[in-house]
Amino acid sequence: MSLLTKQQEKLVQRARDFVQTELLPLEKEVEKSGGISSESSNEIIRKSRQEGLFAANIDRRFGGGGLTTLDNVLLQEQFGATKEILARRAAGNIYECIKEGTAEQIERFLIPSIRGDRHSALAVSEPEAGSDAASITTRAVRCDAGWILNGRKYFISDADFCDYFIVAAVTQPDLGPRGISLFLVDRSQQGFSYGKSFNMLGFKGTTHRELIFNNLILGKDALLGEENDGFRILGDTLGKARLSKVGARAIGKCHRLLYLMKKHAQDRQQFSKALIDFGQIKQMIVDSNIEISAARALLLQTAKEIDTGLDSRAAISQVKILATETLGRVADRAVQVFGASGCHDEEVIESFYRDARLYRIIDGTSEIHMNIIAKGLKRSVGPCFVAS
């Protein structure tokens, strides 16, 4: 018996069909060429928009899909079953914080992004500021024209494909994290340049670049939201992104790896019997199934909590840890079940194994999220027999 509504079941099936027919056939192109062509990218976006899957997390009043948090994680779970670059193109990497912009900013940045005409990335990480976003040093200083931006950002995903960035910068250093603001920065602006290109362990096809801001002059209309309110906006934005783009996609990859493990173990014969008949192989498959089910249950429960308005910061961190650590174990078992066949680039298992290691780092390391959970537990000290 399905716990999903009929509408959710249709959404999941539509997304699954799209992944199988439109995205999986492009995986070899990504692996062989190290990316996908602009023509392929545009075609994915066009078809995803036709299916109502693109920009599904953005409100309908702006032209997005208007999905609830729960519906969106169900969608992203399906997208997670393929390579990250293909999931990005199909979903659209549109951050909900742009909704906090002015009418002019929404018209200039958000609406074209929903149409698939513009593409953005969130620029927070720096050489000395990774999971600890509050320690960024990029500065925005007031001037007559508006702001002067100076600094560097590291490991910005898909930066080459993007034509604008949501940049976190310090605007009032004495306030610490409460002195951070967000700015919308066009890459065509004078003072912007790309720096290093990082060849990452995983996420093949997705570029990771250094962004350099050298006395870049921003107009007053570049400020996104209120001055010094950037850290709060980032918290709200990154929470949902961690749930959908990391947690749900990690579980999507787990599902595909489990399917491949089961099929290979049933088909592969050794010592006159199928691999599935060996006890150690059974245990790896069963353990994977149990852990995936537990991670998925926590994912869906947390999404429901967000939709009801509950404070879910600690729960999101729990999902981020459980889903990504589960992916790491499942990917490792898949390689073990496949043996040498799972160690070359003809099999998606090899690329998922590399991706799995990055999933435990991106959007906050497992250790950082453990700290967030611990803080939440300290605040909720009390009778703890059964959670309400």
Protein backbone atom coordinates (compact mmCIF):
# COMPACT_ATOMS: atom_id res chain seq x y z
CA MET A 1 0.00 0.00 0.00
CA SER A 2 1.44 3.35 -1.05
CA LEU A 3 1.67 6.17 1.49
CA LEU A 4 1.70 8.71 -1.33
CA THR A 5 -1.31 10.49 -2.75
CA LYS A 6 -2.40 9.74 -6.31
CA GLN A 7 -0.98 13.10 -7.37
CA GLN A 8 2.38 12.31 -5.75
CA GLU A 9 2.44 8.88 -7.38
CA LYS A 10 1.91 10.51 -10.77
CA LEU A 11 4.68 13.02 -10.08
CA VAL A 12 7.12 10.26 -9.12
CA GLN A 13 6.24 8.19 -12.19
CA ARG A 14 6.56 11.19 -14.50
CA ALA A 15 9.98 12.01 -13.02
CA ARG A 16 11.12 8.38 -13.17
CA ASP A 17 10.11 8.10 -16.82
CA PHE A 18 11.92 11.35 -17.61
CA VAL A 19 15.12 10.15 -15.94
CA GLN A 20 15.03 6.82 -17.78
CA THR A 21 14.21 8.17 -21.24
CA GLU A 22 15.99 11.55 -21.26
CA LEU A 23 18.83 11.46 -18.71
CA LEU A 24 20.24 7.94 -18.43
CA PRO A 25 21.10 7.82 -22.17
CA LEU A 26 23.33 10.89 -21.65
CA GLU A 27 25.44 9.37 -18.86
CA LYS A 28 28.07 7.97 -21.22
CA GLU A 29 28.43 11.37 -22.88
CA VAL A 30 29.17 12.88 -19.47
CA GLU A 31 31.67 10.17 -18.60
CA LYS A 32 33.54 10.20 -21.92
CA SER A 33 33.62 13.95 -22.60
CA GLY A 34 33.70 15.18 -18.99
CA GLY A 35 30.48 17.12 -19.39
CA ILE A 36 27.52 17.72 -21.66
CA SER A 37 27.19 20.08 -24.58
CA SER A 38 25.22 23.30 -24.39
CA GLU A 39 22.82 21.76 -26.90
CA SER A 40 22.17 18.79 -24.61
CA SER A 41 21.78 21.09 -21.62
CA ASN A 42 19.24 23.25 -23.41
CA GLU A 43 17.33 20.21 -24.61
CA ILE A 44 17.11 18.76 -21.09
CA ILE A 45 15.83 22.08 -19.76
CA ARG A 46 13.27 22.40 -22.57
CA LYS A 47 11.90 18.89 -22.07
CA SER A 48 11.91 19.17 -18.27
CA ARG A 49 9.90 22.39 -18.51
CA GLN A 50 7.42 20.65 -20.80
CA GLU A 51 6.97 17.92 -18.19
CA GLY A 52 6.52 20.44 -15.37
CA LEU A 53 9.66 19.22 -13.59
CA PHE A 54 11.88 22.27 -14.00
CA ALA A 55 11.96 24.92 -11.24
CA ALA A 56 9.39 22.83 -9.40
CA ASN A 57 10.46 24.22 -6.00
CA ILE A 58 9.52 27.80 -6.91
CA ASP A 59 6.07 29.27 -6.24
CA ARG A 60 3.48 29.12 -9.01
CA ARG A 61 2.95 32.88 -8.79
CA PHE A 62 6.42 33.28 -10.30
CA GLY A 63 5.91 30.57 -12.90
CA GLY A 64 7.46 27.66 -11.00
CA GLY A 65 6.01 24.28 -10.19
CA GLY A 66 4.82 25.26 -6.71
CA LEU A 67 5.65 21.90 -5.15
CA THR A 68 5.53 21.40 -1.41
CA THR A 69 8.76 20.42 0.32
CA LEU A 70 7.57 16.81 0.44
CA ASP A 71 6.67 16.74 -3.25
CA ASN A 72 9.99 18.32 -4.16
CA VAL A 73 12.05 15.72 -2.28
CA LEU A 74 10.08 12.99 -4.04
CA LEU A 75 11.02 14.61 -7.35
CA GLN A 76 14.68 15.13 -6.40
CA GLU A 77 14.92 11.52 -5.22
CA GLN A 78 14.16 10.44 -8.78
CA PHE A 79 16.64 12.93 -10.27
CA GLY A 80 19.26 11.60 -7.86
CA ALA A 81 19.29 8.26 -9.66
CA THR A 82 21.47 9.75 -12.41
CA LYS A 83 24.62 11.85 -12.59
CA GLU A 84 24.66 15.13 -10.71
CA ILE A 85 25.14 17.33 -13.78
CA LEU A 86 22.07 15.80 -15.45
CA ALA A 87 19.99 16.21 -12.29
CA ARG A 88 21.06 19.87 -12.11
CA ARG A 89 19.98 20.56 -15.67
CA ALA A 90 16.65 18.77 -15.28
CA ALA A 91 15.71 20.38 -11.96
CA GLY A 92 17.18 23.84 -12.47
CA ASN A 93 19.53 25.12 -9.79
CA ILE A 94 17.22 27.90 -8.60
CA TYR A 95 17.53 29.06 -5.01
CA GLU A 96 14.34 30.11 -3.27
CA CYS A 97 16.04 33.05 -1.54
CA ILE A 98 15.69 35.11 -4.73
CA LYS A 99 12.00 35.38 -3.80
CA GLU A 100 13.13 37.78 -1.07
CA GLY A 101 14.30 40.21 -3.73
CA THR A 102 12.65 43.34 -5.01
CA ALA A 103 10.15 43.26 -7.86
CA GLU A 104 12.93 44.39 -10.18
CA GLN A 105 15.30 41.63 -8.98
CA ILE A 106 12.60 39.00 -9.39
CA GLU A 107 11.94 40.19 -12.94
CA ARG A 108 15.63 40.37 -13.80
CA PHE A 109 16.90 37.19 -12.14
CA LEU A 110 14.18 34.84 -10.90
CA ILE A 111 11.71 34.86 -13.80
CA PRO A 112 14.38 34.25 -16.49
CA SER A 113 15.82 31.45 -14.32
CA ILE A 114 12.42 29.77 -14.15
CA ARG A 115 12.20 30.00 -17.95
CA GLY A 116 15.63 28.36 -18.19
CA ASP A 117 17.18 31.46 -19.76
CA ARG A 118 19.46 32.34 -16.83
CA HIS A 119 21.44 30.15 -14.46
CA SER A 120 22.85 30.82 -11.01
CA ALA A 121 25.00 29.41 -8.24
CA LEU A 122 25.30 30.22 -4.56
CA ALA A 123 28.78 31.59 -3.77
CA VAL A 124 29.59 31.15 -0.07
CA SER A 125 32.65 28.88 0.35
CA GLU A 126 36.10 30.49 0.49
CA PRO A 127 39.69 29.28 0.84
CA GLU A 128 39.42 29.58 4.65
CA ALA A 129 35.65 29.23 5.05
CA GLY A 130 33.95 25.97 4.12
CA SER A 131 31.30 24.52 6.40
CA ASP A 132 31.76 27.51 8.73
CA ALA A 133 29.97 30.07 6.55
CA ALA A 134 30.16 32.66 9.32
CA SER A 135 33.93 32.95 8.85
CA ILE A 136 33.84 34.32 5.29
CA THR A 137 36.06 37.31 4.54
CA THR A 138 34.71 38.56 1.20
CA ARG A 139 33.80 42.19 1.87
CA ALA A 140 31.20 44.56 0.48
CA VAL A 141 31.86 48.17 1.45
CA ARG A 142 29.45 51.01 0.84
CA CYS A 143 30.29 53.63 -1.81
CA ASP A 144 28.39 56.38 -3.61
CA ALA A 145 27.27 54.00 -6.36
CA GLY A 146 26.25 51.29 -3.90
CA TRP A 147 28.88 48.73 -2.90
CA ILE A 148 32.46 47.73 -3.68
CA LEU A 149 32.94 43.94 -3.58
CA ASN A 150 36.31 42.28 -2.97
CA GLY A 151 37.18 38.67 -2.23
CA ARG A 152 37.36 35.12 -3.53
CA LYS A 153 35.00 32.18 -3.52
CA TYR A 154 36.09 28.55 -3.85
CA PHE A 155 34.56 25.32 -5.20
CA ILE A 156 31.55 27.04 -6.77
CA SER A 157 29.63 24.27 -8.54
CA ASP A 158 28.63 24.68 -12.17
CA ALA A 159 30.17 28.17 -12.22
CA ASP A 160 31.04 28.04 -15.93
CA PHE A 161 27.39 27.43 -16.81
CA CYS A 162 26.09 30.27 -14.64
CA ASP A 163 25.65 33.87 -15.71
CA TYR A 164 24.97 35.26 -12.22
CA PHE A 165 25.82 34.41 -8.62
CA ILE A 166 24.26 34.89 -5.19
CA VAL A 167 27.31 36.08 -3.25
CA ALA A 168 27.67 36.16 0.53
CA ALA A 169 29.82 39.04 1.77
CA VAL A 170 30.61 40.72 5.08
CA THR A 171 29.01 44.15 5.32
CA GLN A 172 29.48 44.82 9.04
CA PRO A 173 32.45 42.87 10.47
CA ASP A 174 31.81 43.72 14.14
CA LEU A 175 28.47 41.85 14.04
CA GLY A 176 30.00 38.49 13.12
CA PRO A 177 27.52 36.27 11.27
CA ARG A 178 24.83 38.93 11.77
CA GLY A 179 26.90 41.24 9.60
CA ILE A 180 26.67 39.17 6.40
CA SER A 181 24.61 40.24 3.37
CA LEU A 182 23.75 38.65 0.03
CA PHE A 183 24.31 40.24 -3.38
CA LEU A 184 23.23 39.37 -6.91
CA VAL A 185 26.29 39.59 -9.14
CA ASP A 186 26.32 39.29 -12.95
CA ARG A 187 29.41 37.55 -14.26
CA SER A 188 29.60 40.15 -17.06
CA GLN A 189 30.36 42.93 -14.55
CA GLN A 190 33.77 44.56 -14.60
CA GLY A 191 35.85 43.34 -11.69
CA PHE A 192 34.61 39.75 -11.91
CA SER A 193 36.83 36.94 -13.15
CA TYR A 194 37.23 33.20 -12.87
CA GLY A 195 40.24 31.84 -11.01
CA LYS A 196 41.27 28.22 -10.50
CA SER A 197 39.32 25.31 -11.92
CA PHE A 198 39.22 22.36 -9.51
CA ASN A 199 39.17 18.82 -10.90
CA MET A 200 37.07 17.23 -8.16
CA LEU A 201 36.97 13.60 -7.05
CA GLY A 202 33.36 13.22 -8.15
CA PHE A 203 30.46 15.04 -9.84
CA LYS A 204 32.02 14.61 -13.27
CA GLY A 205 30.65 17.14 -15.75
CA THR A 206 30.02 19.77 -13.08
CA THR A 207 32.75 22.40 -13.05
CA HIS A 208 34.01 23.77 -9.74
CA ARG A 209 35.61 27.18 -9.97
CA GLU A 210 37.18 29.97 -8.02
CA LEU A 211 35.39 33.31 -8.35
CA ILE A 212 37.39 36.52 -7.96
CA PHE A 213 35.85 39.91 -7.15
CA ASN A 214 38.34 42.74 -7.58
CA ASN A 215 36.91 46.16 -6.73
CA LEU A 216 33.66 45.10 -8.37
CA ILE A 217 31.17 47.96 -8.12
CA LEU A 218 27.59 46.92 -7.39
CA GLY A 219 24.59 49.17 -7.55
CA LYS A 220 22.38 49.63 -4.53
CA ASP A 221 19.86 47.35 -6.25
CA ALA A 222 22.27 44.39 -6.03
CA LEU A 223 21.56 43.79 -2.34
CA LEU A 224 19.29 40.75 -1.91
CA GLY A 225 16.99 41.14 1.07
CA GLU A 226 17.90 43.41 3.96
CA GLU A 227 21.44 44.48 4.78
CA ASN A 228 23.08 42.16 7.34
CA ASP A 229 20.27 39.62 6.98
CA GLY A 230 22.23 37.30 4.71
CA PHE A 231 23.07 34.66 7.30
CA ARG A 232 19.40 34.11 8.16
CA ILE A 233 18.45 33.94 4.48
CA LEU A 234 21.29 31.48 3.85
CA GLY A 235 20.10 29.27 6.72
CA ASP A 236 16.59 29.03 5.30
CA THR A 237 17.86 28.52 1.75
CA LEU A 238 20.52 25.94 2.51
CA GLY A 239 18.22 23.92 4.77
CA LYS A 240 15.80 23.06 1.97
CA ALA A 241 18.67 22.64 -0.49
CA ARG A 242 20.36 20.12 1.81
CA LEU A 243 17.15 18.18 2.11
CA SER A 244 16.31 18.04 -1.59
CA LYS A 245 19.54 18.41 -3.56
CA VAL A 246 21.70 16.40 -1.15
CA GLY A 247 19.54 14.16 1.05
CA ALA A 248 16.93 13.17 -1.53
CA ARG A 249 19.40 12.80 -4.38
CA ALA A 250 21.71 10.70 -2.22
CA ILE A 251 18.83 8.33 -1.50
CA GLY A 252 17.98 8.26 -5.21
CA LYS A 253 21.50 7.07 -5.91
CA CYS A 254 21.18 4.46 -3.17
CA HIS A 255 18.05 3.05 -4.82
CA ARG A 256 19.78 2.67 -8.16
CA LEU A 257 22.85 1.07 -6.61
CA LEU A 258 20.66 -1.39 -4.71
CA TYR A 259 18.82 -2.30 -7.91
CA LEU A 260 22.11 -2.87 -9.75
CA MET A 261 23.48 -4.94 -6.86
CA LYS A 262 20.42 -7.20 -6.76
CA LYS A 263 20.36 -7.69 -10.53
CA HIS A 264 24.07 -8.44 -10.74
CA ALA A 265 23.93 -10.81 -7.77
CA GLN A 266 21.07 -12.72 -9.38
CA ASP A 267 22.66 -12.89 -12.84
CA ARG A 268 26.30 -13.50 -11.93
CA GLN A 269 27.29 -17.16 -11.45
CA GLN A 270 30.29 -18.26 -9.40
CA PHE A 271 31.06 -21.80 -8.28
CA SER A 272 27.89 -23.00 -10.05
CA LYS A 273 25.49 -20.75 -8.16
CA ALA A 274 24.28 -17.16 -8.23
CA LEU A 275 26.08 -14.60 -6.10
CA ILE A 276 22.79 -13.86 -4.33
CA ASP A 277 23.00 -17.34 -2.81
CA PHE A 278 26.21 -16.51 -0.92
CA GLY A 279 25.54 -15.37 2.64
CA GLN A 280 27.95 -12.43 2.60
CA ILE A 281 26.36 -11.02 -0.56
CA LYS A 282 22.88 -11.41 0.90
CA GLN A 283 23.93 -9.52 4.00
CA MET A 284 25.35 -6.60 1.99
CA ILE A 285 22.14 -6.31 0.00
CA VAL A 286 19.85 -6.66 3.03
CA ASP A 287 21.87 -4.19 5.10
CA SER A 288 21.69 -1.70 2.23
CA ASN A 289 17.93 -2.13 1.91
CA ILE A 290 17.37 -1.55 5.64
CA GLU A 291 19.58 1.54 5.77
CA ILE A 292 18.03 3.07 2.65
CA SER A 293 14.53 2.53 4.03
CA ALA A 294 15.46 4.20 7.32
CA ALA A 295 17.09 7.19 5.61
CA ARG A 296 14.15 7.64 3.26
CA ALA A 297 11.64 7.52 6.13
CA LEU A 298 13.56 10.28 7.94
CA LEU A 299 13.74 12.32 4.72
CA LEU A 300 9.99 12.19 4.11
CA GLN A 301 9.15 12.85 7.77
CA THR A 302 11.40 15.91 7.84
CA ALA A 303 9.88 17.24 4.62
CA LYS A 304 6.42 16.91 6.16
CA GLU A 305 7.57 18.78 9.27
CA ILE A 306 8.85 21.66 7.15
CA ASP A 307 5.53 21.84 5.30
CA THR A 308 3.70 22.15 8.62
CA GLY A 309 5.96 25.01 9.73
CA LEU A 310 8.02 23.19 12.37
CA ASP A 311 11.61 24.19 13.14
CA SER A 312 13.45 21.38 11.37
CA ARG A 313 17.07 22.54 11.43
CA ALA A 314 18.31 19.60 13.49
CA ALA A 315 16.15 17.15 11.55
CA ILE A 316 17.60 18.39 8.25
CA SER A 317 21.09 17.80 9.63
CA GLN A 318 20.06 14.28 10.65
CA VAL A 319 18.85 13.61 7.11
CA LYS A 320 22.03 15.05 5.63
CA ILE A 321 24.20 12.76 7.75
CA LEU A 322 22.09 9.61 7.48
CA ALA A 323 21.43 9.86 3.73
CA THR A 324 25.00 10.66 2.72
CA GLU A 325 26.68 8.21 5.09
CA THR A 326 24.25 5.54 3.88
CA LEU A 327 25.18 6.35 0.28
CA GLY A 328 28.84 5.90 1.16
CA ARG A 329 28.23 2.44 2.61
CA VAL A 330 25.88 1.33 -0.17
CA ALA A 331 28.28 2.50 -2.89
CA ASP A 332 31.12 0.63 -1.20
CA ARG A 333 29.06 -2.55 -1.03
CA ALA A 334 28.04 -2.17 -4.67
CA VAL A 335 31.69 -2.03 -5.74
CA GLN A 336 32.37 -5.11 -3.61
CA VAL A 337 29.47 -7.07 -5.11
CA PHE A 338 30.50 -6.15 -8.66
CA GLY A 339 34.20 -6.72 -8.02
CA ALA A 340 36.47 -5.44 -10.80
CA SER A 341 33.40 -4.76 -12.95
CA GLY A 342 32.40 -1.99 -10.56
CA CYS A 343 35.78 -0.26 -10.73
CA HIS A 344 35.81 1.12 -14.27
CA ASP A 345 34.00 3.95 -16.00
CA GLU A 346 31.75 1.70 -18.08
CA GLU A 347 29.62 1.22 -14.96
CA VAL A 348 27.79 4.02 -13.16
CA ILE A 349 28.78 2.34 -9.89
CA GLU A 350 32.32 3.71 -10.21
CA SER A 351 31.15 7.31 -10.63
CA PHE A 352 28.55 7.01 -7.85
CA TYR A 353 31.30 5.67 -5.58
CA ARG A 354 33.32 8.84 -6.21
CA ASP A 355 30.25 11.05 -5.84
CA ALA A 356 29.37 9.40 -2.54
CA ARG A 357 32.56 10.65 -0.94
CA LEU A 358 31.76 14.25 -1.89
CA TYR A 359 28.18 14.00 -0.62
CA ARG A 360 29.54 13.69 2.93
CA ILE A 361 31.35 17.02 2.51
CA ILE A 362 29.19 19.33 0.38
CA ASP A 363 26.63 21.58 2.11
CA GLY A 364 28.33 21.02 5.45
CA THR A 365 30.42 18.05 6.53
CA SER A 366 28.92 15.26 8.61
CA GLU A 367 30.84 16.57 11.61
CA ILE A 368 29.41 20.09 11.28
CA HIS A 369 25.89 18.65 11.13
CA MET A 370 26.57 16.55 14.21
CA ASN A 371 27.33 19.79 16.04
CA ILE A 372 24.03 21.28 14.86
CA ILE A 373 22.17 18.21 16.13
CA ALA A 374 24.01 18.35 19.46
CA LYS A 375 23.02 22.01 19.95
CA GLY A 376 19.40 21.08 19.31
CA LEU A 377 19.57 18.27 21.85
CA LYS A 378 21.03 20.63 24.48
CA ARG A 379 18.11 23.02 23.97
CA SER A 380 15.54 20.25 24.37
CA VAL A 381 16.73 18.65 27.60
CA GLY A 382 13.78 17.17 29.49
CA PRO A 383 11.71 13.98 29.82
CA CYS A 384 12.78 11.81 26.92
CA PHE A 385 10.91 8.52 27.09
CA VAL A 386 8.85 8.97 23.93
CA ALA A 387 9.17 11.95 21.59
CA SER A 388 5.98 13.92 21.08
